[in-house]
């Protein structure tokens, strides 16, 4: 993985992806005690940054591979990204999804034309299911994070951050990134190393599912004991990727962990102050910026709000935070 791959991905997908802005609010600045700049990838096609990596991977495939179709496994955001990218390329997609994924994500994936195969994430191995189906049907597997072209696509987010920060006169800042397997985090880290080396990328995960943070401390891969049990389904993975972890270990600052309640509060504030809709996993980085200010350096922080595919019932839980006393 290198900056050339990310630049090549941007050249292929730049006219398709949305260049999301950096948003700010004085009310969020006051809570965080510093300037907060939010990059709302919830406004990306399919509601998350995952479209970038999916589009990068699909546009890199040969014509023969596209004819046979693609397969992916995902809790929902990568699923939708791959489904749309495959549809746009005139290909087909099979998506392996956990049966407890948000209904909105399952329904949206099917609506984009993909065949959805559900599995139990507590008792079944999605990697094995995906590998078996890929072999049996001759499909190309597009992994959600441990795949070079996917990482390259996610890295285009970092190229945008570098350009936007430069225009705002921001030279140094922690860049907080909602992190599951590390595709987005490692891609942004590579882009920032090349284009804004004074920026420090930092992964943010749910409490109890902070395998990346613990792996960074240990210097070796650590796994999560649980596979479910948090509202942040979008960023729950068993362990960091074999490709992504060395990149994060070399380029990222310490990881942060946030609670579900903090994510719900961040969702409510993002809606109230920025007028954007986030899902719990997509709000994790903002939660860290707002509620763990002592863990962050500098007078400005950049937050990647990675996704907004939230079921109405969960969003209603978040909005209830607005009626609670501070």
Foldseek 3Di string as FASTA:
>chain_A
DALVLLVVLCVQCVVPWDLFAWDFFVVLCVLLVFTETEGQQCPIVQRFLLLLLLLLVLVPDDPVQQALAAEEEALASVLLSNLQNSVVVVGAYEYEHEPPRPPLRVVNSVVSPYHYHYDHQQPDDPVVVRVVVCVVRVHHYDYSAQDVSSLSRLLVSLLSVLVNCVVVVNQAWEEEELAAQQSNQLSNQNSCVVRRVRYAYAYEYAVQQPQLLVCLVVVHKDFRPDQDDAQLNRRHDGIHHPRRNVSCSVGHDHYYHDHLLLLLQQQQCCCVGVVDAAGSSLSRRSSCSSPVSVVTDDNYHYYYSGGHSYDPVSNVVSNVVVVDDD
